[in-house]
Protein backbone atom coordinates (compact mmCIF):
# COMPACT_ATOMS: atom_id res chain seq x y z
CA MET A 1 64.41 128.40 34.86
CA SER A 2 66.33 131.33 36.38
CA PHE A 3 65.21 134.01 38.85
CA GLU A 4 65.11 136.48 35.95
CA ASP A 5 62.29 134.41 34.43
CA LEU A 6 60.12 135.05 37.52
CA ASN A 7 59.72 138.78 36.74
CA LEU A 8 60.92 139.95 40.15
CA HIS A 9 61.80 143.60 40.74
CA PRO A 10 65.38 144.42 39.53
CA LEU A 11 66.53 145.48 43.02
CA VAL A 12 65.29 142.20 44.47
CA LEU A 13 67.05 140.29 41.68
CA LYS A 14 70.24 142.19 42.45
CA ALA A 15 70.12 140.98 46.07
CA ILE A 16 69.48 137.40 44.95
CA GLN A 17 72.47 137.48 42.61
CA LYS A 18 74.62 139.00 45.34
CA SER A 19 73.65 136.09 47.59
CA GLY A 20 74.93 133.65 44.94
CA TYR A 21 71.59 132.10 44.00
CA THR A 22 71.01 131.36 40.33
CA THR A 23 68.23 128.75 40.04
CA PRO A 24 64.96 128.85 42.00
CA THR A 25 63.89 125.73 43.87
CA PRO A 26 60.66 123.93 42.89
CA ILE A 27 58.61 125.66 45.62
CA GLN A 28 59.98 129.04 44.52
CA GLN A 29 59.19 128.33 40.86
CA SER A 30 55.60 127.43 41.74
CA ALA A 31 54.82 129.98 44.47
CA ILE A 32 56.52 133.20 43.34
CA PRO A 33 54.46 133.81 40.16
CA GLU A 34 51.21 133.15 42.06
CA LEU A 35 52.16 135.49 44.89
CA ILE A 36 53.27 138.23 42.49
CA SER A 37 49.85 138.01 40.85
CA GLY A 38 48.16 138.58 44.22
CA THR A 39 46.59 135.12 44.61
CA ASP A 40 46.13 133.53 48.03
CA VAL A 41 48.33 130.44 48.32
CA ILE A 42 48.40 127.36 50.54
CA ALA A 43 51.63 125.43 50.04
CA SER A 44 53.12 122.25 51.43
CA ALA A 45 56.92 122.22 51.45
CA GLN A 46 59.45 120.63 53.76
CA THR A 47 62.19 122.47 55.59
CA GLY A 48 65.28 123.15 53.51
CA THR A 49 63.36 123.62 50.24
CA GLY A 50 63.67 127.42 50.09
CA LYS A 51 60.16 128.26 51.29
CA THR A 52 61.24 131.44 53.12
CA ALA A 53 62.44 132.97 49.87
CA ALA A 54 59.33 131.60 48.14
CA PHE A 55 57.12 134.05 50.05
CA MET A 56 59.62 136.77 50.96
CA LEU A 57 60.85 137.53 47.43
CA PRO A 58 57.36 138.30 46.01
CA ALA A 59 56.54 140.24 49.20
CA LEU A 60 59.59 142.46 48.65
CA HIS A 61 58.68 142.73 44.97
CA HIS A 62 55.42 144.42 46.04
CA LEU A 63 57.20 146.57 48.64
CA ALA A 64 59.42 148.06 45.93
CA GLU A 65 56.41 150.21 45.01
CA PRO A 66 55.38 152.81 47.63
CA SER A 67 52.14 152.28 49.54
CA LYS A 68 49.13 154.41 48.63
CA ILE A 69 48.05 154.50 52.28
CA ARG A 70 49.79 156.83 54.72
CA SER A 71 50.55 154.87 57.89
CA ARG A 72 53.41 153.59 60.05
CA GLY A 73 51.96 150.08 60.18
CA PRO A 74 53.45 147.04 58.39
CA ARG A 75 52.77 146.18 54.78
CA VAL A 76 53.81 142.53 55.23
CA LEU A 77 53.14 140.48 58.37
CA VAL A 78 54.78 137.07 58.86
CA LEU A 79 53.62 134.90 61.78
CA THR A 80 55.95 132.10 62.93
CA PRO A 81 55.62 129.53 65.73
CA THR A 82 59.05 130.15 67.31
CA ARG A 83 61.49 132.94 67.96
CA GLU A 84 64.30 131.18 66.10
CA LEU A 85 62.23 130.87 62.93
CA ALA A 86 61.19 134.52 63.26
CA GLU A 87 64.83 135.58 63.42
CA GLN A 88 65.59 133.47 60.35
CA VAL A 89 62.74 135.07 58.37
CA SER A 90 63.77 138.57 59.50
CA ASN A 91 67.36 138.01 58.38
CA ALA A 92 66.16 136.74 55.00
CA ALA A 93 63.95 139.82 54.53
CA LYS A 94 66.84 142.15 55.38
CA ASN A 95 69.17 140.31 53.03
CA TYR A 96 66.82 140.14 50.03
CA GLY A 97 65.56 143.70 50.58
CA LYS A 98 68.88 145.41 51.21
CA TYR A 99 68.78 147.38 47.93
CA LEU A 100 65.24 148.66 48.45
CA SER A 101 65.17 152.21 49.76
CA ARG A 102 64.21 152.78 53.42
CA MET A 103 63.28 149.12 54.00
CA ASN A 104 62.49 148.55 57.69
CA VAL A 105 62.20 144.97 58.99
CA ILE A 106 61.46 144.34 62.68
CA SER A 107 60.74 141.33 64.89
CA ILE A 108 58.24 141.21 67.75
CA LEU A 109 59.01 138.18 69.89
CA GLY A 110 58.48 136.86 73.38
CA GLY A 111 61.51 137.36 75.59
CA MET A 112 62.29 140.84 74.22
CA PRO A 113 61.73 143.92 76.43
CA TYR A 114 58.41 145.67 75.74
CA SER A 115 60.14 149.06 75.84
CA LEU A 116 62.39 148.10 72.92
CA GLN A 117 59.47 146.68 70.94
CA ASN A 118 57.39 149.81 71.57
CA LYS A 119 60.23 151.90 70.18
CA LEU A 120 60.49 149.69 67.07
CA LEU A 121 56.74 149.87 66.45
CA SER A 122 56.73 153.67 66.74
CA GLN A 123 58.72 153.84 63.48
CA PRO A 124 57.39 153.13 59.97
CA VAL A 125 57.47 149.35 59.40
CA ASP A 126 57.57 147.49 56.09
CA VAL A 127 57.99 143.86 57.20
CA LEU A 128 56.86 142.72 60.64
CA VAL A 129 57.84 139.19 61.73
CA ALA A 130 56.22 138.04 64.95
CA THR A 131 55.20 135.18 67.18
CA PRO A 132 51.41 135.22 67.76
CA GLY A 133 51.26 135.65 71.53
CA ARG A 134 53.47 138.70 71.79
CA LEU A 135 51.87 140.33 68.75
CA ILE A 136 48.41 140.06 70.34
CA ASP A 137 49.75 141.89 73.41
CA HIS A 138 50.73 144.86 71.22
CA ILE A 139 47.47 144.75 69.25
CA GLN A 140 45.46 144.92 72.47
CA ARG A 141 47.55 147.89 73.60
CA GLY A 142 46.81 149.70 70.34
CA HIS A 143 50.45 149.79 69.20
CA ILE A 144 49.90 148.49 65.65
CA ASN A 145 47.93 149.88 62.72
CA PHE A 146 47.20 147.32 59.99
CA SER A 147 45.48 149.73 57.61
CA ARG A 148 48.12 149.34 54.89
CA LEU A 149 48.78 145.60 55.33
CA GLN A 150 49.06 143.90 51.92
CA MET A 151 50.22 140.38 52.77
CA LEU A 152 49.75 138.03 55.73
CA VAL A 153 52.04 134.98 55.82
CA LEU A 154 51.45 132.01 58.14
CA ASP A 155 54.78 130.16 58.20
CA GLU A 156 54.77 126.54 59.45
CA ALA A 157 51.05 126.60 60.10
CA ASP A 158 51.04 122.94 61.15
CA ARG A 159 53.47 123.72 63.94
CA MET A 160 51.40 126.68 65.10
CA LEU A 161 48.41 124.32 65.22
CA ASP A 162 50.37 121.79 67.31
CA MET A 163 51.48 124.53 69.71
CA GLY A 164 47.95 125.85 70.20
CA PHE A 165 48.50 129.17 68.40
CA ILE A 166 45.72 128.92 65.81
CA ALA A 167 43.16 130.80 67.94
CA ASP A 168 45.69 133.63 68.27
CA VAL A 169 46.37 133.54 64.53
CA GLU A 170 42.67 133.83 63.73
CA GLN A 171 42.31 136.68 66.20
CA ILE A 172 45.19 138.53 64.50
CA ALA A 173 43.75 137.88 61.03
CA SER A 174 40.39 139.28 62.13
CA VAL A 175 41.87 142.77 62.70
CA THR A 176 43.66 142.93 59.35
CA PRO A 177 42.18 144.27 56.07
CA LYS A 178 39.83 141.91 54.26
CA ASN A 179 41.44 142.64 50.88
CA LYS A 180 44.91 141.49 51.96
CA GLN A 181 46.70 138.56 50.36
CA THR A 182 47.05 135.54 52.67
CA VAL A 183 49.74 132.89 52.33
CA MET A 184 49.96 129.65 54.31
CA PHE A 185 52.97 127.33 54.36
CA SER A 186 52.74 123.97 56.09
CA ALA A 187 54.87 120.84 56.05
CA THR A 188 51.69 118.76 55.94
CA LEU A 189 48.20 119.44 54.60
CA ASN A 190 45.88 117.55 56.93
CA VAL A 191 42.17 118.02 57.64
CA ALA A 192 42.78 120.53 60.45
CA ILE A 193 45.04 122.69 58.26
CA GLU A 194 42.52 122.55 55.41
CA LYS A 195 39.76 123.84 57.72
CA ILE A 196 41.94 126.74 58.84
CA ALA A 197 42.72 127.57 55.22
CA GLU A 198 38.98 127.62 54.41
CA ARG A 199 38.43 130.24 57.12
CA LEU A 200 41.41 132.48 56.36
CA LEU A 201 42.15 132.19 52.62
CA LYS A 202 40.11 133.23 49.56
CA SER A 203 40.05 130.67 46.70
CA PRO A 204 43.69 129.77 47.29
CA LYS A 205 46.07 128.22 44.81
CA ARG A 206 47.28 124.89 46.20
CA ILE A 207 50.93 123.96 45.80
CA GLN A 208 52.49 120.73 47.06
CA ILE A 209 56.22 120.18 46.62
CA ALA A 210 58.10 116.99 47.51
CA SER A 211 56.47 114.23 49.46
CA GLN A 212 57.95 113.15 52.80
CA LYS A 213 59.59 110.20 51.04
CA GLU A 214 61.26 112.31 48.36
CA ARG A 215 62.39 114.92 50.88
CA LEU A 216 64.27 112.38 53.02
CA ASN A 217 66.15 110.60 50.25
CA ASN A 218 69.40 112.43 51.03
CA ILE A 219 69.26 111.63 54.76
CA GLU A 220 70.53 108.28 56.01
CA GLN A 221 68.32 107.09 58.87
CA ARG A 222 69.72 104.81 61.54
CA LEU A 223 68.10 103.16 64.54
CA HIS A 224 69.82 101.96 67.72
CA TYR A 225 67.91 99.97 70.31
CA VAL A 226 68.85 100.80 73.89
CA ASP A 227 68.39 99.00 77.20
CA ASN A 228 68.41 101.96 79.57
CA LEU A 229 69.73 105.51 80.06
CA THR A 230 73.29 104.35 80.72
CA HIS A 231 73.32 102.34 77.50
CA LYS A 232 71.82 105.30 75.62
CA ASN A 233 74.49 107.69 76.90
CA LYS A 234 77.28 105.32 75.85
CA LEU A 235 75.83 105.03 72.34
CA LEU A 236 75.46 108.81 72.11
CA ASP A 237 79.09 109.31 73.09
CA HIS A 238 80.08 106.79 70.39
CA VAL A 239 78.05 108.58 67.71
CA LEU A 240 79.38 112.02 68.67
CA ARG A 241 82.98 110.86 68.35
CA ASP A 242 82.44 110.05 64.65
CA GLU A 243 85.10 112.01 62.73
CA THR A 244 82.65 112.75 59.91
CA LEU A 245 80.40 114.65 62.32
CA LYS A 246 80.89 118.40 61.88
CA GLN A 247 77.95 119.67 63.93
CA ALA A 248 74.98 117.88 65.45
CA ILE A 249 71.64 118.60 67.05
CA VAL A 250 70.59 116.20 69.80
CA PHE A 251 66.85 116.27 70.55
CA THR A 252 65.47 115.60 74.02
CA ALA A 253 61.89 115.36 75.24
CA THR A 254 62.12 118.02 77.97
CA LYS A 255 63.92 121.25 78.79
CA ARG A 256 65.35 119.74 81.95
CA ASP A 257 66.79 116.81 80.01
CA ALA A 258 68.36 119.21 77.50
CA ASP A 259 70.20 121.03 80.29
CA LEU A 260 71.32 117.84 82.01
CA LEU A 261 72.51 116.19 78.81
CA ALA A 262 74.37 119.31 77.60
CA ASP A 263 76.18 119.54 80.97
CA ASN A 264 76.99 115.83 80.82
CA LEU A 265 78.43 116.09 77.30
CA TYR A 266 80.43 119.20 78.22
CA ALA A 267 81.93 117.32 81.16
CA ARG A 268 82.98 114.56 78.76
CA GLY A 269 84.95 117.01 76.64
CA HIS A 270 82.38 117.84 73.95
CA THR A 271 81.69 121.47 72.98
CA ALA A 272 77.98 121.32 73.77
CA ALA A 273 75.22 123.69 74.89
CA ALA A 274 71.47 123.53 75.44
CA LEU A 275 68.69 125.44 73.68
CA HIS A 276 65.13 125.48 75.02
CA GLY A 277 62.15 127.70 75.77
CA ASP A 278 63.14 128.63 79.34
CA MET A 279 66.19 130.53 78.09
CA ASN A 280 65.79 134.26 77.49
CA GLN A 281 66.22 135.63 73.98
CA ARG A 282 69.74 136.90 74.58
CA GLU A 283 70.90 133.47 75.77
CA ARG A 284 69.25 131.76 72.81
CA ASN A 285 70.78 134.19 70.32
CA ARG A 286 74.22 133.76 71.88
CA THR A 287 73.97 129.96 71.64
CA LEU A 288 72.79 130.04 68.01
CA THR A 289 75.55 132.50 67.06
CA ARG A 290 78.15 130.13 68.50
CA LEU A 291 76.59 127.29 66.50
CA ARG A 292 76.56 129.28 63.25
CA LYS A 293 80.17 130.44 63.69
CA GLY A 294 81.41 126.92 64.41
CA GLY A 295 82.20 127.55 68.08
CA LEU A 296 79.68 124.93 69.11
CA ARG A 297 79.77 121.35 67.81
CA ILE A 298 76.75 119.89 69.62
CA LEU A 299 73.41 121.58 70.31
CA VAL A 300 71.06 119.80 72.71
CA ALA A 301 67.55 121.09 72.08
CA THR A 302 63.84 120.56 72.48
CA ASP A 303 61.48 120.53 69.48
CA VAL A 304 60.17 124.05 69.97
CA ALA A 305 63.58 125.68 70.39
CA ALA A 306 65.15 124.04 67.36
CA ARG A 307 62.41 125.03 64.94
CA GLY A 308 63.75 127.18 62.12
CA ILE A 309 67.46 126.43 62.58
CA ASP A 310 69.08 126.46 59.14
CA ILE A 311 72.82 125.72 59.34
CA SER A 312 74.53 123.90 56.48
CA ASP A 313 77.26 122.29 58.63
CA ILE A 314 74.80 120.19 60.66
CA THR A 315 75.71 116.71 59.45
CA HIS A 316 73.94 114.69 62.14
CA VAL A 317 70.61 114.84 63.94
CA ILE A 318 70.22 112.55 66.94
CA ASN A 319 66.88 111.66 68.49
CA PHE A 320 68.02 111.00 72.06
CA ASP A 321 64.30 110.78 72.83
CA LEU A 322 61.85 109.94 70.06
CA PRO A 323 59.34 112.72 69.30
CA LYS A 324 55.70 112.34 70.31
CA PHE A 325 54.43 112.84 66.76
CA ALA A 326 55.66 111.44 63.45
CA GLU A 327 55.48 114.94 61.91
CA ASP A 328 58.02 116.18 64.46
CA TYR A 329 60.39 113.39 63.43
CA VAL A 330 60.45 114.83 59.90
CA HIS A 331 61.01 118.36 61.17
CA ARG A 332 63.82 117.19 63.42
CA ILE A 333 65.83 115.26 60.87
CA GLY A 334 65.19 118.03 58.33
CA ARG A 335 67.78 120.10 60.26
CA THR A 336 70.41 118.07 58.41
CA GLY A 337 70.70 117.36 54.69
CA ARG A 338 70.04 121.02 53.89
CA ALA A 339 70.09 122.29 50.30
CA GLY A 340 70.62 118.82 48.85
CA ALA A 341 73.59 117.89 51.06
CA ALA A 342 73.81 114.44 52.65
CA GLY A 343 72.86 114.03 56.30
CA ILE A 344 72.61 111.33 58.96
CA ALA A 345 69.71 110.91 61.39
CA VAL A 346 70.23 108.61 64.38
CA SER A 347 67.35 107.55 66.66
CA PHE A 348 67.49 105.72 69.99
CA ALA A 349 64.57 103.48 70.97
CA THR A 350 63.71 100.93 73.61
CA HIS A 351 61.95 97.62 72.94
CA LYS A 352 58.68 99.35 73.92
CA ASP A 353 58.87 101.84 71.01
CA GLY A 354 58.00 99.39 68.24
CA LEU A 355 54.50 100.73 67.52
CA HIS A 356 55.73 104.33 67.62
CA LEU A 357 58.51 103.53 65.15
CA LYS A 358 56.04 101.93 62.76
CA ARG A 359 53.96 105.14 62.81
CA ILE A 360 57.05 107.16 61.90
CA GLU A 361 57.95 104.78 59.08
CA ARG A 362 54.41 104.83 57.75
CA PHE A 363 54.36 108.65 57.81
CA THR A 364 57.75 109.09 56.10
CA GLY A 365 57.53 106.14 53.72
CA HIS A 366 61.00 105.05 54.85
CA SER A 367 62.06 101.96 56.78
CA ILE A 368 64.61 102.82 59.49
CA ALA A 369 67.40 100.26 59.51
CA SER A 370 68.54 98.96 62.91
CA HIS A 371 72.28 99.25 63.60
CA ILE A 372 74.42 97.57 66.27
CA VAL A 373 77.71 98.95 67.59
CA PRO A 374 80.14 96.14 68.57
CA GLY A 375 80.52 96.16 72.34
CA LEU A 376 77.33 98.19 72.80
CA GLU A 377 74.76 95.62 71.70
CA PRO A 378 71.28 95.75 73.30
CA SER A 379 70.48 92.90 75.66
CA PHE A 380 67.37 91.92 73.66
CA LYS A 381 67.14 90.90 70.00
CA PRO A 382 64.38 92.88 68.27
CA ASN A 383 62.43 91.37 65.40
CA GLN A 384 63.54 93.55 62.46
CA ARG A 385 60.26 93.34 60.54
CA THR A 386 58.16 94.46 63.48
CA ASN A 387 60.60 96.83 65.17
CA GLY A 388 60.96 94.85 68.36
CA PHE A 389 57.58 93.12 68.53
CA LYS A 390 56.99 89.50 67.72
CA LYS A 391 53.97 89.38 65.49
CA SER A 392 51.39 86.70 66.33
CA THR A 393 50.40 84.43 63.46
CA ALA A 394 47.32 83.03 65.21
CA PRO A 395 43.92 83.62 63.55
CA ALA A 396 41.78 86.44 64.96
CA HIS A 397 39.26 84.06 66.62
CA GLN A 398 42.12 82.18 68.31
CA LYS A 399 43.60 85.47 69.62
CA ARG A 400 40.24 86.32 71.18
CA LYS A 401 39.98 82.84 72.71
CA ASN A 402 43.51 83.11 74.13
CA SER A 403 42.75 86.55 75.55
CA ILE A 404 39.53 85.31 77.25
CA ALA A 405 41.37 82.31 78.63
CA ALA A 406 44.13 84.50 80.03
CA TYR A 407 41.56 86.78 81.65
CA GLY A 408 39.88 83.77 83.26
CA LYS A 409 43.18 82.53 84.66
CA ARG A 410 43.83 85.93 86.25
CA GLN A 411 40.41 85.77 87.92
CA GLU A 412 41.02 82.20 89.07
CA PHE A 413 44.42 83.11 90.45
CA ASN A 414 43.13 86.31 92.13
CA PRO A 415 39.43 86.27 93.14
CA ASN A 416 39.64 89.97 93.97
CA PHE A 417 40.96 90.87 90.53
CA GLN A 418 37.93 92.92 89.45
CA ARG A 419 37.64 94.71 92.78
CA LEU A 420 41.35 95.58 92.77
CA SER A 421 41.16 96.83 89.20
CA ARG A 422 38.28 99.19 90.05
CA ALA A 423 40.15 100.45 93.11
CA SER A 424 43.29 101.07 91.10
CA ARG A 425 41.26 103.30 88.80
CA SER A 426 39.89 105.48 91.60
CA PRO A 427 40.92 109.18 91.56
CA SER A 428 42.83 108.83 94.82
CA ASN A 429 45.21 106.33 93.24
CA LYS A 430 45.92 108.25 90.06
CA ARG A 431 49.44 109.57 89.59
CA SER A 432 49.93 113.12 88.37
CA PHE A 433 52.54 114.09 85.88
CA LYS A 434 53.98 117.48 84.99
CA THR A 435 54.55 118.01 81.30
CA ASN A 436 57.78 119.79 80.35
CA MET A 437 57.97 120.65 76.69
């Protein structure tokens, strides 16, 4: 099948051909005809499968015809969880719609000055790409008229759910026309996403492209067990000095860790920089531009900041810290192996991460092979089948008996065991932690 077979508007086809694309991807083949027909769609597709074009091409196809409603408001609204993904979608819309007359694409994002955004919204808008929180600010100020909105797109709905944006999304949807077309793209279709779709979509067509297992076939996954932070840093330095590594994204758990690690790598002679949510939009754009132009070899990022990065030269993704959720593992390593290219995903784990690793393997359908670098071996020897945990072969009743016996020994050894346990659980003894995403 070619793009010509999808019955897209000639000016949209011209832009596709100019971009060098000839054959639509599976998600594009399935979604574009449905969206051209006006059907609501809920689709599951992994990153790197061409999903942005899958909804943007039919949206532009409709925009080729003038609106029957006189208004300055947008005709297509795309909601994304992060600023980086919003910029990616905006650039795609501008590229695919460059031959359409008077096509105006704008982005409304956190971190941008309100004065600039007010100026952009005062002009006629065709495609509006926004993050939910900032868009609600403008809606409440009466800056946006949705009377001629034809299509609402929820991109990476699962991520918006994880980030707590769904209430904002539903609030935005409630002020849009009821006869609009609604499109939802999500990497996974779980119960929570299905419930959201029931509330926002009308008899949607369901499309599911590529399971997690199929999507990861072109990415080699490696696991390195580490003893401590020093050991982890030495292994990271070893991986980054691989001559086959063109560009890499290193994922950390917190923004503070991203800054510290980027500074550490820079001091070691690597061209590295951090990307996280505390940076203003100008700093983030500058860093991503350096990465795209090849002036930056290593990007150290948090999950939120790296969402939506699509750069073909990223050959390696490194999980310096394992993600909290298995779904985030898939999104992370999906930054490499783009458009069918090969990629390498390296994860560091301690001996305490065995259960977490098994959840990731169960979710992806892939077993992550453990690797050892000569001279940087971990001090412990993990059981390969159980990812670091020795599996007990005792019957269930014997395990219970052993557990009861152990409990009795603790009481015998420490008569105040129960009293101390209750005291340790009192509010005054609880430690507080500050989360830094």
